Amino acid sequence: MTETRWYTYARNLIGADTAQEAASRAGFNSSSFSRWKGGANAEPEAAVKLARAYGANVLQALAESGLITDTEAALHTVTVGNREAIEGAGSRQLLEELLRRDKK
């Protein structure tokens, strides 16, 4: 059986760690790795936990798991009036938005 995109990503992400070590580090049951090896994709919570545990990009993990598209993972927009989006924006994004507004 061919490995799924998600399982290949997860296996590469954890490197030399065992499934048990990775699951413990991420805070979920190691049986998830068995399901993924069998062809199942990750649940949203597990994809996010694994990415965070290994310092990986959460959006990439969600795309690798098939939960969002690669296009959706590449979106980086700030919605005016959305405090969470503004607080989550990087300095460069904020500066680019200010420059864009200054040109008006």
N, C-alpha and C. Protein backbone atom coordinates (compact mmCIF):
# COMPACT_ATOMS: atom_id res chain seq x y z
N MET A 1 0.84 -1.18 0.00
CA MET A 1 0.00 0.00 0.00
C MET A 1 0.89 1.25 0.00
N THR A 2 0.50 2.25 -0.76
CA THR A 2 1.24 3.50 -0.84
C THR A 2 0.91 4.37 0.36
N GLU A 3 1.95 5.00 0.91
CA GLU A 3 1.74 5.90 2.05
C GLU A 3 0.93 7.11 1.62
N THR A 4 0.08 7.58 2.52
CA THR A 4 -0.67 8.80 2.26
C THR A 4 0.25 10.01 2.43
N ARG A 5 -0.17 11.10 1.87
CA ARG A 5 0.58 12.35 2.01
C ARG A 5 0.75 12.68 3.51
N TRP A 6 -0.33 12.50 4.27
CA TRP A 6 -0.27 12.83 5.69
C TRP A 6 0.73 11.95 6.45
N TYR A 7 0.67 10.64 6.21
CA TYR A 7 1.56 9.74 6.95
C TYR A 7 3.02 10.02 6.61
N THR A 8 3.31 10.27 5.34
CA THR A 8 4.67 10.61 4.93
C THR A 8 5.13 11.88 5.63
N TYR A 9 4.27 12.88 5.67
CA TYR A 9 4.58 14.15 6.35
C TYR A 9 4.85 13.91 7.84
N ALA A 10 3.96 13.20 8.50
CA ALA A 10 4.08 12.94 9.94
C ALA A 10 5.36 12.16 10.24
N ARG A 11 5.62 11.15 9.45
CA ARG A 11 6.82 10.32 9.65
C ARG A 11 8.08 11.17 9.49
N ASN A 12 8.12 12.01 8.47
CA ASN A 12 9.28 12.88 8.26
C ASN A 12 9.40 13.93 9.37
N LEU A 13 8.27 14.42 9.84
CA LEU A 13 8.26 15.44 10.88
C LEU A 13 8.86 14.93 12.18
N ILE A 14 8.51 13.71 12.56
CA ILE A 14 8.98 13.20 13.86
C ILE A 14 10.41 12.67 13.81
N GLY A 15 10.95 12.51 12.63
CA GLY A 15 12.35 12.10 12.48
C GLY A 15 12.62 10.76 13.14
N ALA A 16 13.60 10.73 14.03
CA ALA A 16 14.01 9.49 14.68
C ALA A 16 13.13 9.09 15.85
N ASP A 17 12.19 9.96 16.24
CA ASP A 17 11.28 9.63 17.34
C ASP A 17 10.39 8.45 16.96
N THR A 18 10.02 7.64 17.94
CA THR A 18 9.06 6.57 17.70
C THR A 18 7.65 7.17 17.70
N ALA A 19 6.69 6.41 17.23
CA ALA A 19 5.30 6.86 17.26
C ALA A 19 4.87 7.15 18.69
N GLN A 20 5.30 6.31 19.62
CA GLN A 20 4.94 6.51 21.02
C GLN A 20 5.53 7.81 21.57
N GLU A 21 6.80 8.07 21.24
CA GLU A 21 7.45 9.30 21.69
C GLU A 21 6.77 10.53 21.09
N ALA A 22 6.47 10.46 19.80
CA ALA A 22 5.83 11.59 19.13
C ALA A 22 4.44 11.85 19.68
N ALA A 23 3.68 10.79 19.89
CA ALA A 23 2.32 10.94 20.42
C ALA A 23 2.36 11.51 21.83
N SER A 24 3.30 11.05 22.63
CA SER A 24 3.43 11.57 23.99
C SER A 24 3.81 13.04 23.97
N ARG A 25 4.74 13.38 23.12
CA ARG A 25 5.18 14.79 22.97
C ARG A 25 4.04 15.69 22.52
N ALA A 26 3.20 15.17 21.60
CA ALA A 26 2.10 15.96 21.05
C ALA A 26 0.84 15.91 21.91
N GLY A 27 0.72 14.90 22.75
CA GLY A 27 -0.43 14.82 23.64
C GLY A 27 -1.63 14.11 23.07
N PHE A 28 -1.38 13.04 22.30
CA PHE A 28 -2.49 12.22 21.83
C PHE A 28 -2.07 10.75 21.85
N ASN A 29 -2.99 9.85 21.57
CA ASN A 29 -2.76 8.42 21.65
C ASN A 29 -1.91 7.94 20.47
N SER A 30 -0.95 7.09 20.76
CA SER A 30 -0.05 6.60 19.71
C SER A 30 -0.76 5.72 18.69
N SER A 31 -1.95 5.25 18.98
CA SER A 31 -2.70 4.45 18.00
C SER A 31 -3.04 5.26 16.76
N SER A 32 -2.98 6.58 16.88
CA SER A 32 -3.22 7.43 15.70
C SER A 32 -2.23 7.09 14.60
N PHE A 33 -0.97 6.85 14.96
CA PHE A 33 0.04 6.54 13.95
C PHE A 33 -0.30 5.25 13.22
N SER A 34 -0.84 4.27 13.92
CA SER A 34 -1.24 3.02 13.27
C SER A 34 -2.36 3.27 12.28
N ARG A 35 -3.33 4.10 12.67
CA ARG A 35 -4.43 4.43 11.76
C ARG A 35 -3.90 5.18 10.54
N TRP A 36 -2.98 6.11 10.78
CA TRP A 36 -2.42 6.88 9.66
C TRP A 36 -1.63 5.98 8.73
N LYS A 37 -0.88 5.05 9.30
CA LYS A 37 -0.11 4.11 8.47
C LYS A 37 -1.05 3.27 7.62
N GLY A 38 -2.23 2.99 8.15
CA GLY A 38 -3.23 2.21 7.43
C GLY A 38 -4.01 3.01 6.39
N GLY A 39 -3.73 4.31 6.29
CA GLY A 39 -4.37 5.11 5.25
C GLY A 39 -5.30 6.20 5.73
N ALA A 40 -5.55 6.26 7.04
CA ALA A 40 -6.44 7.30 7.57
C ALA A 40 -5.70 8.64 7.61
N ASN A 41 -6.45 9.70 7.38
CA ASN A 41 -5.89 11.04 7.54
C ASN A 41 -6.05 11.48 8.99
N ALA A 42 -5.32 12.51 9.36
CA ALA A 42 -5.35 13.01 10.73
C ALA A 42 -6.64 13.74 11.03
N GLU A 43 -7.03 13.68 12.27
CA GLU A 43 -8.11 14.51 12.77
C GLU A 43 -7.52 15.91 12.93
N PRO A 44 -8.34 16.96 12.81
CA PRO A 44 -7.81 18.33 12.91
C PRO A 44 -6.99 18.56 14.18
N GLU A 45 -7.50 18.13 15.31
CA GLU A 45 -6.80 18.36 16.58
C GLU A 45 -5.44 17.68 16.60
N ALA A 46 -5.35 16.46 16.08
CA ALA A 46 -4.08 15.74 16.07
C ALA A 46 -3.08 16.39 15.13
N ALA A 47 -3.54 16.86 13.98
CA ALA A 47 -2.63 17.53 13.04
C ALA A 47 -2.03 18.78 13.67
N VAL A 48 -2.87 19.55 14.33
CA VAL A 48 -2.41 20.79 14.97
C VAL A 48 -1.45 20.46 16.13
N LYS A 49 -1.81 19.50 16.95
CA LYS A 49 -0.96 19.14 18.09
C LYS A 49 0.41 18.64 17.63
N LEU A 50 0.43 17.81 16.60
CA LEU A 50 1.69 17.27 16.11
C LEU A 50 2.56 18.40 15.55
N ALA A 51 1.98 19.28 14.77
CA ALA A 51 2.74 20.40 14.21
C ALA A 51 3.31 21.28 15.32
N ARG A 52 2.49 21.61 16.28
CA ARG A 52 2.96 22.46 17.39
C ARG A 52 4.05 21.78 18.20
N ALA A 53 3.90 20.49 18.43
CA ALA A 53 4.89 19.76 19.23
C ALA A 53 6.26 19.74 18.57
N TYR A 54 6.28 19.79 17.24
CA TYR A 54 7.54 19.73 16.51
C TYR A 54 7.92 21.07 15.88
N GLY A 55 7.24 22.14 16.28
CA GLY A 55 7.58 23.47 15.80
C GLY A 55 7.34 23.67 14.31
N ALA A 56 6.40 22.92 13.77
CA ALA A 56 6.10 23.01 12.34
C ALA A 56 4.95 23.99 12.10
N ASN A 57 4.79 24.39 10.86
CA ASN A 57 3.72 25.28 10.46
C ASN A 57 2.38 24.54 10.54
N VAL A 58 1.47 25.05 11.34
CA VAL A 58 0.17 24.40 11.54
C VAL A 58 -0.63 24.37 10.24
N LEU A 59 -0.59 25.44 9.47
CA LEU A 59 -1.33 25.46 8.20
C LEU A 59 -0.80 24.40 7.24
N GLN A 60 0.51 24.22 7.20
CA GLN A 60 1.08 23.19 6.34
C GLN A 60 0.61 21.81 6.80
N ALA A 61 0.60 21.59 8.11
CA ALA A 61 0.15 20.30 8.63
C ALA A 61 -1.30 20.03 8.24
N LEU A 62 -2.13 21.05 8.33
CA LEU A 62 -3.54 20.88 7.95
C LEU A 62 -3.68 20.59 6.46
N ALA A 63 -2.84 21.22 5.65
CA ALA A 63 -2.86 20.94 4.21
C ALA A 63 -2.35 19.53 3.92
N GLU A 64 -1.28 19.14 4.59
CA GLU A 64 -0.73 17.79 4.39
C GLU A 64 -1.74 16.72 4.78
N SER A 65 -2.57 17.04 5.75
CA SER A 65 -3.58 16.07 6.21
C SER A 65 -4.82 16.06 5.33
N GLY A 66 -4.90 17.01 4.41
CA GLY A 66 -6.06 17.08 3.52
C GLY A 66 -7.24 17.81 4.13
N LEU A 67 -7.05 18.42 5.29
CA LEU A 67 -8.14 19.14 5.95
C LEU A 67 -8.40 20.51 5.33
N ILE A 68 -7.36 21.11 4.78
CA ILE A 68 -7.50 22.34 4.00
C ILE A 68 -6.66 22.17 2.74
N THR A 69 -6.90 23.01 1.75
CA THR A 69 -6.13 22.92 0.51
C THR A 69 -4.80 23.65 0.66
N ASP A 70 -3.89 23.39 -0.26
CA ASP A 70 -2.62 24.10 -0.26
C ASP A 70 -2.86 25.60 -0.46
N THR A 71 -3.84 25.94 -1.28
CA THR A 71 -4.17 27.35 -1.51
C THR A 71 -4.65 28.01 -0.23
N GLU A 72 -5.51 27.33 0.51
CA GLU A 72 -5.99 27.88 1.78
C GLU A 72 -4.84 28.05 2.78
N ALA A 73 -3.90 27.12 2.76
CA ALA A 73 -2.77 27.19 3.68
C ALA A 73 -1.87 28.38 3.36
N ALA A 74 -1.89 28.84 2.12
CA ALA A 74 -1.03 29.94 1.69
C ALA A 74 -1.66 31.31 1.94
N LEU A 75 -2.92 31.36 2.34
CA LEU A 75 -3.58 32.65 2.57
C LEU A 75 -3.02 33.31 3.81
N HIS A 76 -2.75 34.59 3.68
CA HIS A 76 -2.24 35.38 4.81
C HIS A 76 -2.91 36.75 4.75
N THR A 77 -4.14 36.81 5.18
CA THR A 77 -4.87 38.07 5.13
C THR A 77 -5.19 38.53 6.53
N VAL A 78 -5.29 39.83 6.66
CA VAL A 78 -5.68 40.44 7.92
C VAL A 78 -7.01 41.11 7.68
N THR A 79 -8.00 40.73 8.45
CA THR A 79 -9.33 41.33 8.33
C THR A 79 -9.41 42.50 9.29
N VAL A 80 -9.66 43.69 8.74
CA VAL A 80 -9.75 44.88 9.58
C VAL A 80 -10.92 44.71 10.54
N GLY A 81 -10.66 45.03 11.80
CA GLY A 81 -11.69 44.91 12.82
C GLY A 81 -11.67 43.58 13.54
N ASN A 82 -10.86 42.67 13.07
CA ASN A 82 -10.75 41.36 13.70
C ASN A 82 -9.49 41.35 14.55
N ARG A 83 -9.65 41.60 15.84
CA ARG A 83 -8.51 41.75 16.75
C ARG A 83 -7.59 40.53 16.72
N GLU A 84 -8.16 39.33 16.67
CA GLU A 84 -7.34 38.12 16.66
C GLU A 84 -6.46 38.07 15.41
N ALA A 85 -7.03 38.46 14.27
CA ALA A 85 -6.26 38.44 13.03
C ALA A 85 -5.15 39.47 13.07
N ILE A 86 -5.44 40.64 13.60
CA ILE A 86 -4.42 41.69 13.69
C ILE A 86 -3.31 41.28 14.63
N GLU A 87 -3.67 40.72 15.77
CA GLU A 87 -2.65 40.29 16.73
C GLU A 87 -1.80 39.14 16.18
N GLY A 88 -2.38 38.34 15.31
CA GLY A 88 -1.66 37.21 14.73
C GLY A 88 -0.82 37.57 13.52
N ALA A 89 -1.00 38.79 13.01
CA ALA A 89 -0.26 39.20 11.82
C ALA A 89 1.19 39.51 12.18
N GLY A 90 2.06 39.22 11.26
CA GLY A 90 3.47 39.53 11.46
C GLY A 90 3.74 41.01 11.20
N SER A 91 4.89 41.46 11.64
CA SER A 91 5.27 42.86 11.47
C SER A 91 5.28 43.27 10.00
N ARG A 92 5.79 42.39 9.16
CA ARG A 92 5.85 42.70 7.72
C ARG A 92 4.44 42.87 7.15
N GLN A 93 3.51 41.99 7.55
CA GLN A 93 2.14 42.10 7.06
C GLN A 93 1.51 43.42 7.50
N LEU A 94 1.74 43.80 8.73
CA LEU A 94 1.18 45.06 9.23
C LEU A 94 1.77 46.25 8.50
N LEU A 95 3.08 46.24 8.29
CA LEU A 95 3.73 47.33 7.57
C LEU A 95 3.23 47.42 6.13
N GLU A 96 3.09 46.27 5.46
CA GLU A 96 2.58 46.27 4.09
C GLU A 96 1.17 46.83 4.03
N GLU A 97 0.35 46.51 5.01
CA GLU A 97 -1.02 47.04 5.06
C GLU A 97 -0.99 48.55 5.27
N LEU A 98 -0.13 49.03 6.14
CA LEU A 98 -0.02 50.48 6.35
C LEU A 98 0.44 51.19 5.09
N LEU A 99 1.42 50.62 4.40
CA LEU A 99 1.90 51.21 3.14
C LEU A 99 0.81 51.20 2.07
N ARG A 100 0.06 50.13 2.02
CA ARG A 100 -1.03 50.04 1.03
C ARG A 100 -2.05 51.13 1.31
N ARG A 101 -2.39 51.34 2.57
CA ARG A 101 -3.37 52.36 2.93
C ARG A 101 -2.85 53.76 2.68
N ASP A 102 -1.53 53.95 2.88
CA ASP A 102 -0.93 55.26 2.69
C ASP A 102 -0.97 55.69 1.22
N LYS A 103 -1.00 54.71 0.30
CA LYS A 103 -1.03 55.01 -1.13
C LYS A 103 -2.38 55.49 -1.61
N LYS A 104 -3.42 55.31 -0.79
CA LYS A 104 -4.78 55.70 -1.20
C LYS A 104 -4.95 57.19 -1.19
